[in-house]
Amino acid sequence: MLIVDLFEETYLAIFANKARSGLTILGIVIGIGSVIAMISIGQGAAGSIESNIQAMGSNLIT
């Protein structure tokens, strides 16, 4: 099979199953958004904790 044939078959498959293609794209977008959100929340929490620890200063008895 040539690459042109593969692209043609892919194009036909995508537009033959519009609902399935739409749901697949929606799932990918939601998954990527979730990963980005979790990374952002983790980095924000780490920064907040670090700033709270630095605000305590060095006069803390351990």
PDB file of N, CA and C in Angstrom:
ATOM      1  N   MET A   1       0.830  -1.186   0.000  1.00  0.00           N
ATOM      2  CA  MET A   1       0.000   0.000   0.000  1.00  0.00           C
ATOM      3  C   MET A   1       0.872   1.245   0.000  1.00  0.00           C
ATOM      4  N   LEU A   2       0.462   2.178  -0.786  1.00  0.00           N
ATOM      5  CA  LEU A   2       1.147   3.458  -0.804  1.00  0.00           C
ATOM      6  C   LEU A   2       0.628   4.341   0.326  1.00  0.00           C
ATOM      7  N   ILE A   3       1.405   5.333   0.647  1.00  0.00           N
ATOM      8  CA  ILE A   3       0.994   6.250   1.707  1.00  0.00           C
ATOM      9  C   ILE A   3      -0.286   6.975   1.310  1.00  0.00           C
ATOM     10  N   VAL A   4      -0.428   7.288   0.043  1.00  0.00           N
ATOM     11  CA  VAL A   4      -1.642   7.956  -0.433  1.00  0.00           C
ATOM     12  C   VAL A   4      -2.858   7.076  -0.176  1.00  0.00           C
ATOM     13  N   ASP A   5      -2.726   5.791  -0.409  1.00  0.00           N
ATOM     14  CA  ASP A   5      -3.835   4.865  -0.157  1.00  0.00           C
ATOM     15  C   ASP A   5      -4.179   4.816   1.334  1.00  0.00           C
ATOM     16  N   LEU A   6      -3.166   4.845   2.178  1.00  0.00           N
ATOM     17  CA  LEU A   6      -3.406   4.831   3.618  1.00  0.00           C
ATOM     18  C   LEU A   6      -4.158   6.080   4.071  1.00  0.00           C
ATOM     19  N   PHE A   7      -3.743   7.239   3.550  1.00  0.00           N
ATOM     20  CA  PHE A   7      -4.432   8.476   3.906  1.00  0.00           C
ATOM     21  C   PHE A   7      -5.867   8.484   3.399  1.00  0.00           C
ATOM     22  N   GLU A   8      -6.077   7.947   2.213  1.00  0.00           N
ATOM     23  CA  GLU A   8      -7.433   7.884   1.662  1.00  0.00           C
ATOM     24  C   GLU A   8      -8.318   6.975   2.518  1.00  0.00           C
ATOM     25  N   GLU A   9      -7.793   5.835   2.904  1.00  0.00           N
ATOM     26  CA  GLU A   9      -8.558   4.907   3.743  1.00  0.00           C
ATOM     27  C   GLU A   9      -8.846   5.518   5.116  1.00  0.00           C
ATOM     28  N   THR A  10      -7.865   6.209   5.670  1.00  0.00           N
ATOM     29  CA  THR A  10      -8.053   6.870   6.958  1.00  0.00           C
ATOM     30  C   THR A  10      -9.118   7.952   6.860  1.00  0.00           C
ATOM     31  N   TYR A  11      -9.055   8.751   5.821  1.00  0.00           N
ATOM     32  CA  TYR A  11     -10.030   9.821   5.602  1.00  0.00           C
ATOM     33  C   TYR A  11     -11.434   9.252   5.487  1.00  0.00           C
ATOM     34  N   LEU A  12     -11.588   8.196   4.719  1.00  0.00           N
ATOM     35  CA  LEU A  12     -12.909   7.583   4.549  1.00  0.00           C
ATOM     36  C   LEU A  12     -13.412   6.984   5.862  1.00  0.00           C
ATOM     37  N   ALA A  13     -12.531   6.380   6.633  1.00  0.00           N
ATOM     38  CA  ALA A  13     -12.936   5.772   7.899  1.00  0.00           C
ATOM     39  C   ALA A  13     -13.368   6.831   8.910  1.00  0.00           C
ATOM     40  N   ILE A  14     -12.667   7.951   8.920  1.00  0.00           N
ATOM     41  CA  ILE A  14     -13.015   9.020   9.864  1.00  0.00           C
ATOM     42  C   ILE A  14     -14.392   9.582   9.551  1.00  0.00           C
ATOM     43  N   PHE A  15     -14.655   9.838   8.285  1.00  0.00           N
ATOM     44  CA  PHE A  15     -15.925  10.458   7.927  1.00  0.00           C
ATOM     45  C   PHE A  15     -17.066   9.455   7.801  1.00  0.00           C
ATOM     46  N   ALA A  16     -16.770   8.183   7.751  1.00  0.00           N
ATOM     47  CA  ALA A  16     -17.829   7.172   7.738  1.00  0.00           C
ATOM     48  C   ALA A  16     -18.382   6.967   9.144  1.00  0.00           C
ATOM     49  N   ASN A  17     -17.555   7.156  10.150  1.00  0.00           N
ATOM     50  CA  ASN A  17     -17.955   6.966  11.552  1.00  0.00           C
ATOM     51  C   ASN A  17     -17.782   8.283  12.304  1.00  0.00           C
ATOM     52  N   LYS A  18     -18.617   9.263  11.991  1.00  0.00           N
ATOM     53  CA  LYS A  18     -18.453  10.599  12.570  1.00  0.00           C
ATOM     54  C   LYS A  18     -18.650  10.605  14.081  1.00  0.00           C
ATOM     55  N   ALA A  19     -19.631   9.869  14.562  1.00  0.00           N
ATOM     56  CA  ALA A  19     -19.890   9.858  16.005  1.00  0.00           C
ATOM     57  C   ALA A  19     -18.718   9.240  16.758  1.00  0.00           C
ATOM     58  N   ARG A  20     -18.212   8.133  16.259  1.00  0.00           N
ATOM     59  CA  ARG A  20     -17.086   7.474  16.920  1.00  0.00           C
ATOM     60  C   ARG A  20     -15.849   8.362  16.886  1.00  0.00           C
ATOM     61  N   SER A  21     -15.616   9.004  15.746  1.00  0.00           N
ATOM     62  CA  SER A  21     -14.460   9.892  15.625  1.00  0.00           C
ATOM     63  C   SER A  21     -14.581  11.078  16.570  1.00  0.00           C
ATOM     64  N   GLY A  22     -15.781  11.642  16.661  1.00  0.00           N
ATOM     65  CA  GLY A  22     -15.992  12.774  17.557  1.00  0.00           C
ATOM     66  C   GLY A  22     -15.783  12.403  19.008  1.00  0.00           C
ATOM     67  N   LEU A  23     -16.293  11.247  19.403  1.00  0.00           N
ATOM     68  CA  LEU A  23     -16.118  10.801  20.784  1.00  0.00           C
ATOM     69  C   LEU A  23     -14.654  10.491  21.089  1.00  0.00           C
ATOM     70  N   THR A  24     -13.948   9.948  20.119  1.00  0.00           N
ATOM     71  CA  THR A  24     -12.524   9.667  20.306  1.00  0.00           C
ATOM     72  C   THR A  24     -11.745  10.956  20.504  1.00  0.00           C
ATOM     73  N   ILE A  25     -12.019  11.947  19.664  1.00  0.00           N
ATOM     74  CA  ILE A  25     -11.344  13.239  19.787  1.00  0.00           C
ATOM     75  C   ILE A  25     -11.686  13.887  21.123  1.00  0.00           C
ATOM     76  N   LEU A  26     -12.950  13.823  21.523  1.00  0.00           N
ATOM     77  CA  LEU A  26     -13.368  14.385  22.806  1.00  0.00           C
ATOM     78  C   LEU A  26     -12.640  13.703  23.965  1.00  0.00           C
ATOM     79  N   GLY A  27     -12.506  12.393  23.912  1.00  0.00           N
ATOM     80  CA  GLY A  27     -11.800  11.659  24.956  1.00  0.00           C
ATOM     81  C   GLY A  27     -10.336  12.043  25.042  1.00  0.00           C
ATOM     82  N   ILE A  28      -9.708  12.221  23.893  1.00  0.00           N
ATOM     83  CA  ILE A  28      -8.297  12.614  23.874  1.00  0.00           C
ATOM     84  C   ILE A  28      -8.134  14.010  24.462  1.00  0.00           C
ATOM     85  N   VAL A  29      -9.018  14.932  24.081  1.00  0.00           N
ATOM     86  CA  VAL A  29      -8.942  16.305  24.591  1.00  0.00           C
ATOM     87  C   VAL A  29      -9.156  16.335  26.102  1.00  0.00           C
ATOM     88  N   ILE A  30     -10.142  15.601  26.597  1.00  0.00           N
ATOM     89  CA  ILE A  30     -10.395  15.553  28.039  1.00  0.00           C
ATOM     90  C   ILE A  30      -9.207  14.934  28.772  1.00  0.00           C
ATOM     91  N   GLY A  31      -8.620  13.886  28.219  1.00  0.00           N
ATOM     92  CA  GLY A  31      -7.465  13.242  28.847  1.00  0.00           C
ATOM     93  C   GLY A  31      -6.264  14.164  28.929  1.00  0.00           C
ATOM     94  N   ILE A  32      -5.965  14.857  27.840  1.00  0.00           N
ATOM     95  CA  ILE A  32      -4.832  15.780  27.838  1.00  0.00           C
ATOM     96  C   ILE A  32      -5.084  16.927  28.810  1.00  0.00           C
ATOM     97  N   GLY A  33      -6.310  17.443  28.812  1.00  0.00           N
ATOM     98  CA  GLY A  33      -6.652  18.519  29.744  1.00  0.00           C
ATOM     99  C   GLY A  33      -6.521  18.083  31.189  1.00  0.00           C
ATOM    100  N   SER A  34      -6.917  16.852  31.483  1.00  0.00           N
ATOM    101  CA  SER A  34      -6.817  16.332  32.848  1.00  0.00           C
ATOM    102  C   SER A  34      -5.366  16.205  33.291  1.00  0.00           C
ATOM    103  N   VAL A  35      -4.519  15.722  32.410  1.00  0.00           N
ATOM    104  CA  VAL A  35      -3.096  15.587  32.748  1.00  0.00           C
ATOM    105  C   VAL A  35      -2.484  16.958  33.004  1.00  0.00           C
ATOM    106  N   ILE A  36      -2.792  17.930  32.146  1.00  0.00           N
ATOM    107  CA  ILE A  36      -2.258  19.283  32.328  1.00  0.00           C
ATOM    108  C   ILE A  36      -2.757  19.880  33.640  1.00  0.00           C
ATOM    109  N   ALA A  37      -4.036  19.683  33.951  1.00  0.00           N
ATOM    110  CA  ALA A  37      -4.597  20.214  35.196  1.00  0.00           C
ATOM    111  C   ALA A  37      -3.931  19.586  36.413  1.00  0.00           C
ATOM    112  N   MET A  38      -3.714  18.280  36.395  1.00  0.00           N
ATOM    113  CA  MET A  38      -3.096  17.607  37.540  1.00  0.00           C
ATOM    114  C   MET A  38      -1.656  18.070  37.742  1.00  0.00           C
ATOM    115  N   ILE A  39      -0.926  18.257  36.663  1.00  0.00           N
ATOM    116  CA  ILE A  39       0.451  18.748  36.779  1.00  0.00           C
ATOM    117  C   ILE A  39       0.457  20.160  37.348  1.00  0.00           C
ATOM    118  N   SER A  40      -0.451  21.009  36.872  1.00  0.00           N
ATOM    119  CA  SER A  40      -0.526  22.385  37.362  1.00  0.00           C
ATOM    120  C   SER A  40      -0.902  22.434  38.834  1.00  0.00           C
ATOM    121  N   ILE A  41      -1.856  21.620  39.246  1.00  0.00           N
ATOM    122  CA  ILE A  41      -2.260  21.582  40.652  1.00  0.00           C
ATOM    123  C   ILE A  41      -1.101  21.109  41.522  1.00  0.00           C
ATOM    124  N   GLY A  42      -0.384  20.099  41.072  1.00  0.00           N
ATOM    125  CA  GLY A  42       0.762  19.591  41.830  1.00  0.00           C
ATOM    126  C   GLY A  42       1.858  20.623  41.980  1.00  0.00           C
ATOM    127  N   GLN A  43       2.169  21.330  40.902  1.00  0.00           N
ATOM    128  CA  GLN A  43       3.206  22.355  40.974  1.00  0.00           C
ATOM    129  C   GLN A  43       2.769  23.527  41.847  1.00  0.00           C
ATOM    130  N   GLY A  44       1.494  23.886  41.762  1.00  0.00           N
ATOM    131  CA  GLY A  44       0.986  24.968  42.605  1.00  0.00           C
ATOM    132  C   GLY A  44       1.029  24.607  44.079  1.00  0.00           C
ATOM    133  N   ALA A  45       0.649  23.380  44.402  1.00  0.00           N
ATOM    134  CA  ALA A  45       0.682  22.929  45.792  1.00  0.00           C
ATOM    135  C   ALA A  45       2.114  22.888  46.308  1.00  0.00           C
ATOM    136  N   ALA A  46       3.032  22.412  45.491  1.00  0.00           N
ATOM    137  CA  ALA A  46       4.435  22.355  45.909  1.00  0.00           C
ATOM    138  C   ALA A  46       4.979  23.757  46.159  1.00  0.00           C
ATOM    139  N   GLY A  47       4.640  24.694  45.292  1.00  0.00           N
ATOM    140  CA  GLY A  47       5.088  26.072  45.486  1.00  0.00           C
ATOM    141  C   GLY A  47       4.496  26.697  46.732  1.00  0.00           C
ATOM    142  N   SER A  48       3.237  26.416  46.997  1.00  0.00           N
ATOM    143  CA  SER A  48       2.574  26.949  48.189  1.00  0.00           C
ATOM    144  C   SER A  48       3.200  26.392  49.463  1.00  0.00           C
ATOM    145  N   ILE A  49       3.448  25.110  49.485  1.00  0.00           N
ATOM    146  CA  ILE A  49       4.068  24.481  50.657  1.00  0.00           C
ATOM    147  C   ILE A  49       5.470  25.026  50.876  1.00  0.00           C
ATOM    148  N   GLU A  50       6.217  25.188  49.790  1.00  0.00           N
ATOM    149  CA  GLU A  50       7.578  25.705  49.905  1.00  0.00           C
ATOM    150  C   GLU A  50       7.581  27.134  50.441  1.00  0.00           C
ATOM    151  N   SER A  51       6.659  27.965  49.974  1.00  0.00           N
ATOM    152  CA  SER A  51       6.613  29.348  50.467  1.00  0.00           C
ATOM    153  C   SER A  51       6.175  29.401  51.930  1.00  0.00           C
ATOM    154  N   ASN A  52       5.284  28.501  52.340  1.00  0.00           N
ATOM    155  CA  ASN A  52       4.880  28.446  53.752  1.00  0.00           C
ATOM    156  C   ASN A  52       6.040  28.028  54.645  1.00  0.00           C
ATOM    157  N   ILE A  53       6.832  27.083  54.194  1.00  0.00           N
ATOM    158  CA  ILE A  53       7.990  26.634  54.975  1.00  0.00           C
ATOM    159  C   ILE A  53       9.021  27.749  55.074  1.00  0.00           C
ATOM    160  N   GLN A  54       9.251  28.474  53.982  1.00  0.00           N
ATOM    161  CA  GLN A  54      10.206  29.579  54.010  1.00  0.00           C
ATOM    162  C   GLN A  54       9.706  30.724  54.883  1.00  0.00           C
ATOM    163  N   ALA A  55       8.386  30.908  54.954  1.00  0.00           N
ATOM    164  CA  ALA A  55       7.821  31.981  55.778  1.00  0.00           C
ATOM    165  C   ALA A  55       8.004  31.700  57.265  1.00  0.00           C
ATOM    166  N   MET A  56       8.113  30.437  57.642  1.00  0.00           N
ATOM    167  CA  MET A  56       8.326  30.093  59.046  1.00  0.00           C
ATOM    168  C   MET A  56       9.679  30.587  59.529  1.00  0.00           C
ATOM    169  N   GLY A  57      10.615  30.648  58.643  1.00  0.00           N
ATOM    170  CA  GLY A  57      11.938  31.151  58.997  1.00  0.00           C
ATOM    171  C   GLY A  57      12.802  30.088  59.638  1.00  0.00           C
ATOM    172  N   SER A  58      13.972  30.525  60.084  1.00  0.00           N
ATOM    173  CA  SER A  58      14.925  29.587  60.673  1.00  0.00           C
ATOM    174  C   SER A  58      14.821  29.541  62.193  1.00  0.00           C
ATOM    175  N   ASN A  59      13.857  30.219  62.779  1.00  0.00           N
ATOM    176  CA  ASN A  59      13.706  30.233  64.237  1.00  0.00           C
ATOM    177  C   ASN A  59      12.791  29.123  64.726  1.00  0.00           C
ATOM    178  N   LEU A  60      12.590  28.137  63.922  1.00  0.00           N
ATOM    179  CA  LEU A  60      11.687  27.042  64.254  1.00  0.00           C
ATOM    180  C   LEU A  60      12.454  25.954  65.001  1.00  0.00           C
ATOM    181  N   ILE A  61      11.939  25.544  66.133  1.00  0.00           N
ATOM    182  CA  ILE A  61      12.567  24.466  66.903  1.00  0.00           C
ATOM    183  C   ILE A  61      12.044  23.145  66.366  1.00  0.00           C
ATOM    184  N   THR A  62      12.960  22.260  66.048  1.00  0.00           N
ATOM    185  CA  THR A  62      12.544  20.953  65.520  1.00  0.00           C
ATOM    186  C   THR A  62      12.814  19.863  66.520  1.00  0.00           C
TER     187      THR A  62
END
